[in-house]
Amino acid sequence: AKNTMSLHMNSLKPEDTAVYYCAAD
């Protein structure tokens, strides 16, 4: 309804460091 997507990230680790991209199929 809002044309939005989310990513909830918990227990983050140093190896999660990156640029994060959203993409459409």
PDBML (XML) file of the C-alpha atoms, coordinates in Angstrom:
<?xml version="1.0" encoding="UTF-8" ?>
<PDBx:datablock datablockName="MODEL"
   xmlns:PDBx="http://pdbml.pdb.org/schema/pdbx-v50.xsd"
   xmlns:xsi="http://www.w3.org/2001/XMLSchema-instance"
   xsi:schemaLocation="http://pdbml.pdb.org/schema/pdbx-v50.xsd pdbx-v50.xsd">
   <PDBx:atom_siteCategory>
      <PDBx:atom_site id="1">
         <PDBx:B_iso_or_equiv>0.00</PDBx:B_iso_or_equiv>
         <PDBx:Cartn_x>0.000</PDBx:Cartn_x>
         <PDBx:Cartn_y>0.000</PDBx:Cartn_y>
         <PDBx:Cartn_z>0.000</PDBx:Cartn_z>
         <PDBx:auth_asym_id>A</PDBx:auth_asym_id>
         <PDBx:auth_atom_id>CA</PDBx:auth_atom_id>
         <PDBx:auth_comp_id>ALA</PDBx:auth_comp_id>
         <PDBx:auth_seq_id>1</PDBx:auth_seq_id>
         <PDBx:group_PDB>ATOM</PDBx:group_PDB>
         <PDBx:label_alt_id xsi:nil="true" />
         <PDBx:label_asym_id>A</PDBx:label_asym_id>
         <PDBx:label_atom_id>CA</PDBx:label_atom_id>
         <PDBx:label_comp_id>ALA</PDBx:label_comp_id>
         <PDBx:label_entity_id>1</PDBx:label_entity_id>
         <PDBx:label_seq_id>1</PDBx:label_seq_id>
         <PDBx:occupancy>1.00</PDBx:occupancy>
         <PDBx:pdbx_PDB_model_num>1</PDBx:pdbx_PDB_model_num>
         <PDBx:type_symbol>C</PDBx:type_symbol>
      </PDBx:atom_site>
      <PDBx:atom_site id="2">
         <PDBx:B_iso_or_equiv>0.00</PDBx:B_iso_or_equiv>
         <PDBx:Cartn_x>2.960</PDBx:Cartn_x>
         <PDBx:Cartn_y>2.302</PDBx:Cartn_y>
         <PDBx:Cartn_z>0.660</PDBx:Cartn_z>
         <PDBx:auth_asym_id>A</PDBx:auth_asym_id>
         <PDBx:auth_atom_id>CA</PDBx:auth_atom_id>
         <PDBx:auth_comp_id>LYS</PDBx:auth_comp_id>
         <PDBx:auth_seq_id>2</PDBx:auth_seq_id>
         <PDBx:group_PDB>ATOM</PDBx:group_PDB>
         <PDBx:label_alt_id xsi:nil="true" />
         <PDBx:label_asym_id>A</PDBx:label_asym_id>
         <PDBx:label_atom_id>CA</PDBx:label_atom_id>
         <PDBx:label_comp_id>LYS</PDBx:label_comp_id>
         <PDBx:label_entity_id>1</PDBx:label_entity_id>
         <PDBx:label_seq_id>2</PDBx:label_seq_id>
         <PDBx:occupancy>1.00</PDBx:occupancy>
         <PDBx:pdbx_PDB_model_num>1</PDBx:pdbx_PDB_model_num>
         <PDBx:type_symbol>C</PDBx:type_symbol>
      </PDBx:atom_site>
      <PDBx:atom_site id="3">
         <PDBx:B_iso_or_equiv>0.00</PDBx:B_iso_or_equiv>
         <PDBx:Cartn_x>5.300</PDBx:Cartn_x>
         <PDBx:Cartn_y>0.982</PDBx:Cartn_y>
         <PDBx:Cartn_z>-2.052</PDBx:Cartn_z>
         <PDBx:auth_asym_id>A</PDBx:auth_asym_id>
         <PDBx:auth_atom_id>CA</PDBx:auth_atom_id>
         <PDBx:auth_comp_id>ASN</PDBx:auth_comp_id>
         <PDBx:auth_seq_id>3</PDBx:auth_seq_id>
         <PDBx:group_PDB>ATOM</PDBx:group_PDB>
         <PDBx:label_alt_id xsi:nil="true" />
         <PDBx:label_asym_id>A</PDBx:label_asym_id>
         <PDBx:label_atom_id>CA</PDBx:label_atom_id>
         <PDBx:label_comp_id>ASN</PDBx:label_comp_id>
         <PDBx:label_entity_id>1</PDBx:label_entity_id>
         <PDBx:label_seq_id>3</PDBx:label_seq_id>
         <PDBx:occupancy>1.00</PDBx:occupancy>
         <PDBx:pdbx_PDB_model_num>1</PDBx:pdbx_PDB_model_num>
         <PDBx:type_symbol>C</PDBx:type_symbol>
      </PDBx:atom_site>
      <PDBx:atom_site id="4">
         <PDBx:B_iso_or_equiv>0.00</PDBx:B_iso_or_equiv>
         <PDBx:Cartn_x>8.001</PDBx:Cartn_x>
         <PDBx:Cartn_y>0.335</PDBx:Cartn_y>
         <PDBx:Cartn_z>0.488</PDBx:Cartn_z>
         <PDBx:auth_asym_id>A</PDBx:auth_asym_id>
         <PDBx:auth_atom_id>CA</PDBx:auth_atom_id>
         <PDBx:auth_comp_id>THR</PDBx:auth_comp_id>
         <PDBx:auth_seq_id>4</PDBx:auth_seq_id>
         <PDBx:group_PDB>ATOM</PDBx:group_PDB>
         <PDBx:label_alt_id xsi:nil="true" />
         <PDBx:label_asym_id>A</PDBx:label_asym_id>
         <PDBx:label_atom_id>CA</PDBx:label_atom_id>
         <PDBx:label_comp_id>THR</PDBx:label_comp_id>
         <PDBx:label_entity_id>1</PDBx:label_entity_id>
         <PDBx:label_seq_id>4</PDBx:label_seq_id>
         <PDBx:occupancy>1.00</PDBx:occupancy>
         <PDBx:pdbx_PDB_model_num>1</PDBx:pdbx_PDB_model_num>
         <PDBx:type_symbol>C</PDBx:type_symbol>
      </PDBx:atom_site>
      <PDBx:atom_site id="5">
         <PDBx:B_iso_or_equiv>0.00</PDBx:B_iso_or_equiv>
         <PDBx:Cartn_x>10.236</PDBx:Cartn_x>
         <PDBx:Cartn_y>-2.526</PDBx:Cartn_y>
         <PDBx:Cartn_z>1.517</PDBx:Cartn_z>
         <PDBx:auth_asym_id>A</PDBx:auth_asym_id>
         <PDBx:auth_atom_id>CA</PDBx:auth_atom_id>
         <PDBx:auth_comp_id>MET</PDBx:auth_comp_id>
         <PDBx:auth_seq_id>5</PDBx:auth_seq_id>
         <PDBx:group_PDB>ATOM</PDBx:group_PDB>
         <PDBx:label_alt_id xsi:nil="true" />
         <PDBx:label_asym_id>A</PDBx:label_asym_id>
         <PDBx:label_atom_id>CA</PDBx:label_atom_id>
         <PDBx:label_comp_id>MET</PDBx:label_comp_id>
         <PDBx:label_entity_id>1</PDBx:label_entity_id>
         <PDBx:label_seq_id>5</PDBx:label_seq_id>
         <PDBx:occupancy>1.00</PDBx:occupancy>
         <PDBx:pdbx_PDB_model_num>1</PDBx:pdbx_PDB_model_num>
         <PDBx:type_symbol>C</PDBx:type_symbol>
      </PDBx:atom_site>
      <PDBx:atom_site id="6">
         <PDBx:B_iso_or_equiv>0.00</PDBx:B_iso_or_equiv>
         <PDBx:Cartn_x>12.287</PDBx:Cartn_x>
         <PDBx:Cartn_y>-2.924</PDBx:Cartn_y>
         <PDBx:Cartn_z>4.653</PDBx:Cartn_z>
         <PDBx:auth_asym_id>A</PDBx:auth_asym_id>
         <PDBx:auth_atom_id>CA</PDBx:auth_atom_id>
         <PDBx:auth_comp_id>SER</PDBx:auth_comp_id>
         <PDBx:auth_seq_id>6</PDBx:auth_seq_id>
         <PDBx:group_PDB>ATOM</PDBx:group_PDB>
         <PDBx:label_alt_id xsi:nil="true" />
         <PDBx:label_asym_id>A</PDBx:label_asym_id>
         <PDBx:label_atom_id>CA</PDBx:label_atom_id>
         <PDBx:label_comp_id>SER</PDBx:label_comp_id>
         <PDBx:label_entity_id>1</PDBx:label_entity_id>
         <PDBx:label_seq_id>6</PDBx:label_seq_id>
         <PDBx:occupancy>1.00</PDBx:occupancy>
         <PDBx:pdbx_PDB_model_num>1</PDBx:pdbx_PDB_model_num>
         <PDBx:type_symbol>C</PDBx:type_symbol>
      </PDBx:atom_site>
      <PDBx:atom_site id="7">
         <PDBx:B_iso_or_equiv>0.00</PDBx:B_iso_or_equiv>
         <PDBx:Cartn_x>15.151</PDBx:Cartn_x>
         <PDBx:Cartn_y>-4.973</PDBx:Cartn_y>
         <PDBx:Cartn_z>5.982</PDBx:Cartn_z>
         <PDBx:auth_asym_id>A</PDBx:auth_asym_id>
         <PDBx:auth_atom_id>CA</PDBx:auth_atom_id>
         <PDBx:auth_comp_id>LEU</PDBx:auth_comp_id>
         <PDBx:auth_seq_id>7</PDBx:auth_seq_id>
         <PDBx:group_PDB>ATOM</PDBx:group_PDB>
         <PDBx:label_alt_id xsi:nil="true" />
         <PDBx:label_asym_id>A</PDBx:label_asym_id>
         <PDBx:label_atom_id>CA</PDBx:label_atom_id>
         <PDBx:label_comp_id>LEU</PDBx:label_comp_id>
         <PDBx:label_entity_id>1</PDBx:label_entity_id>
         <PDBx:label_seq_id>7</PDBx:label_seq_id>
         <PDBx:occupancy>1.00</PDBx:occupancy>
         <PDBx:pdbx_PDB_model_num>1</PDBx:pdbx_PDB_model_num>
         <PDBx:type_symbol>C</PDBx:type_symbol>
      </PDBx:atom_site>
      <PDBx:atom_site id="8">
         <PDBx:B_iso_or_equiv>0.00</PDBx:B_iso_or_equiv>
         <PDBx:Cartn_x>15.370</PDBx:Cartn_x>
         <PDBx:Cartn_y>-5.337</PDBx:Cartn_y>
         <PDBx:Cartn_z>9.736</PDBx:Cartn_z>
         <PDBx:auth_asym_id>A</PDBx:auth_asym_id>
         <PDBx:auth_atom_id>CA</PDBx:auth_atom_id>
         <PDBx:auth_comp_id>HIS</PDBx:auth_comp_id>
         <PDBx:auth_seq_id>8</PDBx:auth_seq_id>
         <PDBx:group_PDB>ATOM</PDBx:group_PDB>
         <PDBx:label_alt_id xsi:nil="true" />
         <PDBx:label_asym_id>A</PDBx:label_asym_id>
         <PDBx:label_atom_id>CA</PDBx:label_atom_id>
         <PDBx:label_comp_id>HIS</PDBx:label_comp_id>
         <PDBx:label_entity_id>1</PDBx:label_entity_id>
         <PDBx:label_seq_id>8</PDBx:label_seq_id>
         <PDBx:occupancy>1.00</PDBx:occupancy>
         <PDBx:pdbx_PDB_model_num>1</PDBx:pdbx_PDB_model_num>
         <PDBx:type_symbol>C</PDBx:type_symbol>
      </PDBx:atom_site>
      <PDBx:atom_site id="9">
         <PDBx:B_iso_or_equiv>0.00</PDBx:B_iso_or_equiv>
         <PDBx:Cartn_x>18.916</PDBx:Cartn_x>
         <PDBx:Cartn_y>-6.277</PDBx:Cartn_y>
         <PDBx:Cartn_z>10.677</PDBx:Cartn_z>
         <PDBx:auth_asym_id>A</PDBx:auth_asym_id>
         <PDBx:auth_atom_id>CA</PDBx:auth_atom_id>
         <PDBx:auth_comp_id>MET</PDBx:auth_comp_id>
         <PDBx:auth_seq_id>9</PDBx:auth_seq_id>
         <PDBx:group_PDB>ATOM</PDBx:group_PDB>
         <PDBx:label_alt_id xsi:nil="true" />
         <PDBx:label_asym_id>A</PDBx:label_asym_id>
         <PDBx:label_atom_id>CA</PDBx:label_atom_id>
         <PDBx:label_comp_id>MET</PDBx:label_comp_id>
         <PDBx:label_entity_id>1</PDBx:label_entity_id>
         <PDBx:label_seq_id>9</PDBx:label_seq_id>
         <PDBx:occupancy>1.00</PDBx:occupancy>
         <PDBx:pdbx_PDB_model_num>1</PDBx:pdbx_PDB_model_num>
         <PDBx:type_symbol>C</PDBx:type_symbol>
      </PDBx:atom_site>
      <PDBx:atom_site id="10">
         <PDBx:B_iso_or_equiv>0.00</PDBx:B_iso_or_equiv>
         <PDBx:Cartn_x>19.678</PDBx:Cartn_x>
         <PDBx:Cartn_y>-7.590</PDBx:Cartn_y>
         <PDBx:Cartn_z>14.157</PDBx:Cartn_z>
         <PDBx:auth_asym_id>A</PDBx:auth_asym_id>
         <PDBx:auth_atom_id>CA</PDBx:auth_atom_id>
         <PDBx:auth_comp_id>ASN</PDBx:auth_comp_id>
         <PDBx:auth_seq_id>10</PDBx:auth_seq_id>
         <PDBx:group_PDB>ATOM</PDBx:group_PDB>
         <PDBx:label_alt_id xsi:nil="true" />
         <PDBx:label_asym_id>A</PDBx:label_asym_id>
         <PDBx:label_atom_id>CA</PDBx:label_atom_id>
         <PDBx:label_comp_id>ASN</PDBx:label_comp_id>
         <PDBx:label_entity_id>1</PDBx:label_entity_id>
         <PDBx:label_seq_id>10</PDBx:label_seq_id>
         <PDBx:occupancy>1.00</PDBx:occupancy>
         <PDBx:pdbx_PDB_model_num>1</PDBx:pdbx_PDB_model_num>
         <PDBx:type_symbol>C</PDBx:type_symbol>
      </PDBx:atom_site>
      <PDBx:atom_site id="11">
         <PDBx:B_iso_or_equiv>0.00</PDBx:B_iso_or_equiv>
         <PDBx:Cartn_x>22.806</PDBx:Cartn_x>
         <PDBx:Cartn_y>-8.963</PDBx:Cartn_y>
         <PDBx:Cartn_z>15.788</PDBx:Cartn_z>
         <PDBx:auth_asym_id>A</PDBx:auth_asym_id>
         <PDBx:auth_atom_id>CA</PDBx:auth_atom_id>
         <PDBx:auth_comp_id>SER</PDBx:auth_comp_id>
         <PDBx:auth_seq_id>11</PDBx:auth_seq_id>
         <PDBx:group_PDB>ATOM</PDBx:group_PDB>
         <PDBx:label_alt_id xsi:nil="true" />
         <PDBx:label_asym_id>A</PDBx:label_asym_id>
         <PDBx:label_atom_id>CA</PDBx:label_atom_id>
         <PDBx:label_comp_id>SER</PDBx:label_comp_id>
         <PDBx:label_entity_id>1</PDBx:label_entity_id>
         <PDBx:label_seq_id>11</PDBx:label_seq_id>
         <PDBx:occupancy>1.00</PDBx:occupancy>
         <PDBx:pdbx_PDB_model_num>1</PDBx:pdbx_PDB_model_num>
         <PDBx:type_symbol>C</PDBx:type_symbol>
      </PDBx:atom_site>
      <PDBx:atom_site id="12">
         <PDBx:B_iso_or_equiv>0.00</PDBx:B_iso_or_equiv>
         <PDBx:Cartn_x>24.933</PDBx:Cartn_x>
         <PDBx:Cartn_y>-7.151</PDBx:Cartn_y>
         <PDBx:Cartn_z>13.260</PDBx:Cartn_z>
         <PDBx:auth_asym_id>A</PDBx:auth_asym_id>
         <PDBx:auth_atom_id>CA</PDBx:auth_atom_id>
         <PDBx:auth_comp_id>LEU</PDBx:auth_comp_id>
         <PDBx:auth_seq_id>12</PDBx:auth_seq_id>
         <PDBx:group_PDB>ATOM</PDBx:group_PDB>
         <PDBx:label_alt_id xsi:nil="true" />
         <PDBx:label_asym_id>A</PDBx:label_asym_id>
         <PDBx:label_atom_id>CA</PDBx:label_atom_id>
         <PDBx:label_comp_id>LEU</PDBx:label_comp_id>
         <PDBx:label_entity_id>1</PDBx:label_entity_id>
         <PDBx:label_seq_id>12</PDBx:label_seq_id>
         <PDBx:occupancy>1.00</PDBx:occupancy>
         <PDBx:pdbx_PDB_model_num>1</PDBx:pdbx_PDB_model_num>
         <PDBx:type_symbol>C</PDBx:type_symbol>
      </PDBx:atom_site>
      <PDBx:atom_site id="13">
         <PDBx:B_iso_or_equiv>0.00</PDBx:B_iso_or_equiv>
         <PDBx:Cartn_x>28.484</PDBx:Cartn_x>
         <PDBx:Cartn_y>-8.308</PDBx:Cartn_y>
         <PDBx:Cartn_z>12.679</PDBx:Cartn_z>
         <PDBx:auth_asym_id>A</PDBx:auth_asym_id>
         <PDBx:auth_atom_id>CA</PDBx:auth_atom_id>
         <PDBx:auth_comp_id>LYS</PDBx:auth_comp_id>
         <PDBx:auth_seq_id>13</PDBx:auth_seq_id>
         <PDBx:group_PDB>ATOM</PDBx:group_PDB>
         <PDBx:label_alt_id xsi:nil="true" />
         <PDBx:label_asym_id>A</PDBx:label_asym_id>
         <PDBx:label_atom_id>CA</PDBx:label_atom_id>
         <PDBx:label_comp_id>LYS</PDBx:label_comp_id>
         <PDBx:label_entity_id>1</PDBx:label_entity_id>
         <PDBx:label_seq_id>13</PDBx:label_seq_id>
         <PDBx:occupancy>1.00</PDBx:occupancy>
         <PDBx:pdbx_PDB_model_num>1</PDBx:pdbx_PDB_model_num>
         <PDBx:type_symbol>C</PDBx:type_symbol>
      </PDBx:atom_site>
      <PDBx:atom_site id="14">
         <PDBx:B_iso_or_equiv>0.00</PDBx:B_iso_or_equiv>
         <PDBx:Cartn_x>31.483</PDBx:Cartn_x>
         <PDBx:Cartn_y>-6.479</PDBx:Cartn_y>
         <PDBx:Cartn_z>11.216</PDBx:Cartn_z>
         <PDBx:auth_asym_id>A</PDBx:auth_asym_id>
         <PDBx:auth_atom_id>CA</PDBx:auth_atom_id>
         <PDBx:auth_comp_id>PRO</PDBx:auth_comp_id>
         <PDBx:auth_seq_id>14</PDBx:auth_seq_id>
         <PDBx:group_PDB>ATOM</PDBx:group_PDB>
         <PDBx:label_alt_id xsi:nil="true" />
         <PDBx:label_asym_id>A</PDBx:label_asym_id>
         <PDBx:label_atom_id>CA</PDBx:label_atom_id>
         <PDBx:label_comp_id>PRO</PDBx:label_comp_id>
         <PDBx:label_entity_id>1</PDBx:label_entity_id>
         <PDBx:label_seq_id>14</PDBx:label_seq_id>
         <PDBx:occupancy>1.00</PDBx:occupancy>
         <PDBx:pdbx_PDB_model_num>1</PDBx:pdbx_PDB_model_num>
         <PDBx:type_symbol>C</PDBx:type_symbol>
      </PDBx:atom_site>
      <PDBx:atom_site id="15">
         <PDBx:B_iso_or_equiv>0.00</PDBx:B_iso_or_equiv>
         <PDBx:Cartn_x>31.221</PDBx:Cartn_x>
         <PDBx:Cartn_y>-8.743</PDBx:Cartn_y>
         <PDBx:Cartn_z>8.169</PDBx:Cartn_z>
         <PDBx:auth_asym_id>A</PDBx:auth_asym_id>
         <PDBx:auth_atom_id>CA</PDBx:auth_atom_id>
         <PDBx:auth_comp_id>GLU</PDBx:auth_comp_id>
         <PDBx:auth_seq_id>15</PDBx:auth_seq_id>
         <PDBx:group_PDB>ATOM</PDBx:group_PDB>
         <PDBx:label_alt_id xsi:nil="true" />
         <PDBx:label_asym_id>A</PDBx:label_asym_id>
         <PDBx:label_atom_id>CA</PDBx:label_atom_id>
         <PDBx:label_comp_id>GLU</PDBx:label_comp_id>
         <PDBx:label_entity_id>1</PDBx:label_entity_id>
         <PDBx:label_seq_id>15</PDBx:label_seq_id>
         <PDBx:occupancy>1.00</PDBx:occupancy>
         <PDBx:pdbx_PDB_model_num>1</PDBx:pdbx_PDB_model_num>
         <PDBx:type_symbol>C</PDBx:type_symbol>
      </PDBx:atom_site>
      <PDBx:atom_site id="16">
         <PDBx:B_iso_or_equiv>0.00</PDBx:B_iso_or_equiv>
         <PDBx:Cartn_x>27.795</PDBx:Cartn_x>
         <PDBx:Cartn_y>-7.227</PDBx:Cartn_y>
         <PDBx:Cartn_z>7.450</PDBx:Cartn_z>
         <PDBx:auth_asym_id>A</PDBx:auth_asym_id>
         <PDBx:auth_atom_id>CA</PDBx:auth_atom_id>
         <PDBx:auth_comp_id>ASP</PDBx:auth_comp_id>
         <PDBx:auth_seq_id>16</PDBx:auth_seq_id>
         <PDBx:group_PDB>ATOM</PDBx:group_PDB>
         <PDBx:label_alt_id xsi:nil="true" />
         <PDBx:label_asym_id>A</PDBx:label_asym_id>
         <PDBx:label_atom_id>CA</PDBx:label_atom_id>
         <PDBx:label_comp_id>ASP</PDBx:label_comp_id>
         <PDBx:label_entity_id>1</PDBx:label_entity_id>
         <PDBx:label_seq_id>16</PDBx:label_seq_id>
         <PDBx:occupancy>1.00</PDBx:occupancy>
         <PDBx:pdbx_PDB_model_num>1</PDBx:pdbx_PDB_model_num>
         <PDBx:type_symbol>C</PDBx:type_symbol>
      </PDBx:atom_site>
      <PDBx:atom_site id="17">
         <PDBx:B_iso_or_equiv>0.00</PDBx:B_iso_or_equiv>
         <PDBx:Cartn_x>29.554</PDBx:Cartn_x>
         <PDBx:Cartn_y>-3.979</PDBx:Cartn_y>
         <PDBx:Cartn_z>6.533</PDBx:Cartn_z>
         <PDBx:auth_asym_id>A</PDBx:auth_asym_id>
         <PDBx:auth_atom_id>CA</PDBx:auth_atom_id>
         <PDBx:auth_comp_id>THR</PDBx:auth_comp_id>
         <PDBx:auth_seq_id>17</PDBx:auth_seq_id>
         <PDBx:group_PDB>ATOM</PDBx:group_PDB>
         <PDBx:label_alt_id xsi:nil="true" />
         <PDBx:label_asym_id>A</PDBx:label_asym_id>
         <PDBx:label_atom_id>CA</PDBx:label_atom_id>
         <PDBx:label_comp_id>THR</PDBx:label_comp_id>
         <PDBx:label_entity_id>1</PDBx:label_entity_id>
         <PDBx:label_seq_id>17</PDBx:label_seq_id>
         <PDBx:occupancy>1.00</PDBx:occupancy>
         <PDBx:pdbx_PDB_model_num>1</PDBx:pdbx_PDB_model_num>
         <PDBx:type_symbol>C</PDBx:type_symbol>
      </PDBx:atom_site>
      <PDBx:atom_site id="18">
         <PDBx:B_iso_or_equiv>0.00</PDBx:B_iso_or_equiv>
         <PDBx:Cartn_x>28.655</PDBx:Cartn_x>
         <PDBx:Cartn_y>-3.140</PDBx:Cartn_y>
         <PDBx:Cartn_z>2.942</PDBx:Cartn_z>
         <PDBx:auth_asym_id>A</PDBx:auth_asym_id>
         <PDBx:auth_atom_id>CA</PDBx:auth_atom_id>
         <PDBx:auth_comp_id>ALA</PDBx:auth_comp_id>
         <PDBx:auth_seq_id>18</PDBx:auth_seq_id>
         <PDBx:group_PDB>ATOM</PDBx:group_PDB>
         <PDBx:label_alt_id xsi:nil="true" />
         <PDBx:label_asym_id>A</PDBx:label_asym_id>
         <PDBx:label_atom_id>CA</PDBx:label_atom_id>
         <PDBx:label_comp_id>ALA</PDBx:label_comp_id>
         <PDBx:label_entity_id>1</PDBx:label_entity_id>
         <PDBx:label_seq_id>18</PDBx:label_seq_id>
         <PDBx:occupancy>1.00</PDBx:occupancy>
         <PDBx:pdbx_PDB_model_num>1</PDBx:pdbx_PDB_model_num>
         <PDBx:type_symbol>C</PDBx:type_symbol>
      </PDBx:atom_site>
      <PDBx:atom_site id="19">
         <PDBx:B_iso_or_equiv>0.00</PDBx:B_iso_or_equiv>
         <PDBx:Cartn_x>26.602</PDBx:Cartn_x>
         <PDBx:Cartn_y>-0.949</PDBx:Cartn_y>
         <PDBx:Cartn_z>0.688</PDBx:Cartn_z>
         <PDBx:auth_asym_id>A</PDBx:auth_asym_id>
         <PDBx:auth_atom_id>CA</PDBx:auth_atom_id>
         <PDBx:auth_comp_id>VAL</PDBx:auth_comp_id>
         <PDBx:auth_seq_id>19</PDBx:auth_seq_id>
         <PDBx:group_PDB>ATOM</PDBx:group_PDB>
         <PDBx:label_alt_id xsi:nil="true" />
         <PDBx:label_asym_id>A</PDBx:label_asym_id>
         <PDBx:label_atom_id>CA</PDBx:label_atom_id>
         <PDBx:label_comp_id>VAL</PDBx:label_comp_id>
         <PDBx:label_entity_id>1</PDBx:label_entity_id>
         <PDBx:label_seq_id>19</PDBx:label_seq_id>
         <PDBx:occupancy>1.00</PDBx:occupancy>
         <PDBx:pdbx_PDB_model_num>1</PDBx:pdbx_PDB_model_num>
         <PDBx:type_symbol>C</PDBx:type_symbol>
      </PDBx:atom_site>
      <PDBx:atom_site id="20">
         <PDBx:B_iso_or_equiv>0.00</PDBx:B_iso_or_equiv>
         <PDBx:Cartn_x>23.072</PDBx:Cartn_x>
         <PDBx:Cartn_y>-2.336</PDBx:Cartn_y>
         <PDBx:Cartn_z>0.677</PDBx:Cartn_z>
         <PDBx:auth_asym_id>A</PDBx:auth_asym_id>
         <PDBx:auth_atom_id>CA</PDBx:auth_atom_id>
         <PDBx:auth_comp_id>TYR</PDBx:auth_comp_id>
         <PDBx:auth_seq_id>20</PDBx:auth_seq_id>
         <PDBx:group_PDB>ATOM</PDBx:group_PDB>
         <PDBx:label_alt_id xsi:nil="true" />
         <PDBx:label_asym_id>A</PDBx:label_asym_id>
         <PDBx:label_atom_id>CA</PDBx:label_atom_id>
         <PDBx:label_comp_id>TYR</PDBx:label_comp_id>
         <PDBx:label_entity_id>1</PDBx:label_entity_id>
         <PDBx:label_seq_id>20</PDBx:label_seq_id>
         <PDBx:occupancy>1.00</PDBx:occupancy>
         <PDBx:pdbx_PDB_model_num>1</PDBx:pdbx_PDB_model_num>
         <PDBx:type_symbol>C</PDBx:type_symbol>
      </PDBx:atom_site>
      <PDBx:atom_site id="21">
         <PDBx:B_iso_or_equiv>0.00</PDBx:B_iso_or_equiv>
         <PDBx:Cartn_x>20.912</PDBx:Cartn_x>
         <PDBx:Cartn_y>-2.140</PDBx:Cartn_y>
         <PDBx:Cartn_z>-2.439</PDBx:Cartn_z>
         <PDBx:auth_asym_id>A</PDBx:auth_asym_id>
         <PDBx:auth_atom_id>CA</PDBx:auth_atom_id>
         <PDBx:auth_comp_id>TYR</PDBx:auth_comp_id>
         <PDBx:auth_seq_id>21</PDBx:auth_seq_id>
         <PDBx:group_PDB>ATOM</PDBx:group_PDB>
         <PDBx:label_alt_id xsi:nil="true" />
         <PDBx:label_asym_id>A</PDBx:label_asym_id>
         <PDBx:label_atom_id>CA</PDBx:label_atom_id>
         <PDBx:label_comp_id>TYR</PDBx:label_comp_id>
         <PDBx:label_entity_id>1</PDBx:label_entity_id>
         <PDBx:label_seq_id>21</PDBx:label_seq_id>
         <PDBx:occupancy>1.00</PDBx:occupancy>
         <PDBx:pdbx_PDB_model_num>1</PDBx:pdbx_PDB_model_num>
         <PDBx:type_symbol>C</PDBx:type_symbol>
      </PDBx:atom_site>
      <PDBx:atom_site id="22">
         <PDBx:B_iso_or_equiv>0.00</PDBx:B_iso_or_equiv>
         <PDBx:Cartn_x>17.241</PDBx:Cartn_x>
         <PDBx:Cartn_y>-2.810</PDBx:Cartn_y>
         <PDBx:Cartn_z>-3.011</PDBx:Cartn_z>
         <PDBx:auth_asym_id>A</PDBx:auth_asym_id>
         <PDBx:auth_atom_id>CA</PDBx:auth_atom_id>
         <PDBx:auth_comp_id>CYS</PDBx:auth_comp_id>
         <PDBx:auth_seq_id>22</PDBx:auth_seq_id>
         <PDBx:group_PDB>ATOM</PDBx:group_PDB>
         <PDBx:label_alt_id xsi:nil="true" />
         <PDBx:label_asym_id>A</PDBx:label_asym_id>
         <PDBx:label_atom_id>CA</PDBx:label_atom_id>
         <PDBx:label_comp_id>CYS</PDBx:label_comp_id>
         <PDBx:label_entity_id>1</PDBx:label_entity_id>
         <PDBx:label_seq_id>22</PDBx:label_seq_id>
         <PDBx:occupancy>1.00</PDBx:occupancy>
         <PDBx:pdbx_PDB_model_num>1</PDBx:pdbx_PDB_model_num>
         <PDBx:type_symbol>C</PDBx:type_symbol>
      </PDBx:atom_site>
      <PDBx:atom_site id="23">
         <PDBx:B_iso_or_equiv>0.00</PDBx:B_iso_or_equiv>
         <PDBx:Cartn_x>16.177</PDBx:Cartn_x>
         <PDBx:Cartn_y>-4.260</PDBx:Cartn_y>
         <PDBx:Cartn_z>-6.330</PDBx:Cartn_z>
         <PDBx:auth_asym_id>A</PDBx:auth_asym_id>
         <PDBx:auth_atom_id>CA</PDBx:auth_atom_id>
         <PDBx:auth_comp_id>ALA</PDBx:auth_comp_id>
         <PDBx:auth_seq_id>23</PDBx:auth_seq_id>
         <PDBx:group_PDB>ATOM</PDBx:group_PDB>
         <PDBx:label_alt_id xsi:nil="true" />
         <PDBx:label_asym_id>A</PDBx:label_asym_id>
         <PDBx:label_atom_id>CA</PDBx:label_atom_id>
         <PDBx:label_comp_id>ALA</PDBx:label_comp_id>
         <PDBx:label_entity_id>1</PDBx:label_entity_id>
         <PDBx:label_seq_id>23</PDBx:label_seq_id>
         <PDBx:occupancy>1.00</PDBx:occupancy>
         <PDBx:pdbx_PDB_model_num>1</PDBx:pdbx_PDB_model_num>
         <PDBx:type_symbol>C</PDBx:type_symbol>
      </PDBx:atom_site>
      <PDBx:atom_site id="24">
         <PDBx:B_iso_or_equiv>0.00</PDBx:B_iso_or_equiv>
         <PDBx:Cartn_x>13.041</PDBx:Cartn_x>
         <PDBx:Cartn_y>-5.243</PDBx:Cartn_y>
         <PDBx:Cartn_z>-8.231</PDBx:Cartn_z>
         <PDBx:auth_asym_id>A</PDBx:auth_asym_id>
         <PDBx:auth_atom_id>CA</PDBx:auth_atom_id>
         <PDBx:auth_comp_id>ALA</PDBx:auth_comp_id>
         <PDBx:auth_seq_id>24</PDBx:auth_seq_id>
         <PDBx:group_PDB>ATOM</PDBx:group_PDB>
         <PDBx:label_alt_id xsi:nil="true" />
         <PDBx:label_asym_id>A</PDBx:label_asym_id>
         <PDBx:label_atom_id>CA</PDBx:label_atom_id>
         <PDBx:label_comp_id>ALA</PDBx:label_comp_id>
         <PDBx:label_entity_id>1</PDBx:label_entity_id>
         <PDBx:label_seq_id>24</PDBx:label_seq_id>
         <PDBx:occupancy>1.00</PDBx:occupancy>
         <PDBx:pdbx_PDB_model_num>1</PDBx:pdbx_PDB_model_num>
         <PDBx:type_symbol>C</PDBx:type_symbol>
      </PDBx:atom_site>
      <PDBx:atom_site id="25">
         <PDBx:B_iso_or_equiv>0.00</PDBx:B_iso_or_equiv>
         <PDBx:Cartn_x>12.542</PDBx:Cartn_x>
         <PDBx:Cartn_y>-8.595</PDBx:Cartn_y>
         <PDBx:Cartn_z>-9.949</PDBx:Cartn_z>
         <PDBx:auth_asym_id>A</PDBx:auth_asym_id>
         <PDBx:auth_atom_id>CA</PDBx:auth_atom_id>
         <PDBx:auth_comp_id>ASP</PDBx:auth_comp_id>
         <PDBx:auth_seq_id>25</PDBx:auth_seq_id>
         <PDBx:group_PDB>ATOM</PDBx:group_PDB>
         <PDBx:label_alt_id xsi:nil="true" />
         <PDBx:label_asym_id>A</PDBx:label_asym_id>
         <PDBx:label_atom_id>CA</PDBx:label_atom_id>
         <PDBx:label_comp_id>ASP</PDBx:label_comp_id>
         <PDBx:label_entity_id>1</PDBx:label_entity_id>
         <PDBx:label_seq_id>25</PDBx:label_seq_id>
         <PDBx:occupancy>1.00</PDBx:occupancy>
         <PDBx:pdbx_PDB_model_num>1</PDBx:pdbx_PDB_model_num>
         <PDBx:type_symbol>C</PDBx:type_symbol>
      </PDBx:atom_site>
   </PDBx:atom_siteCategory>
</PDBx:datablock>
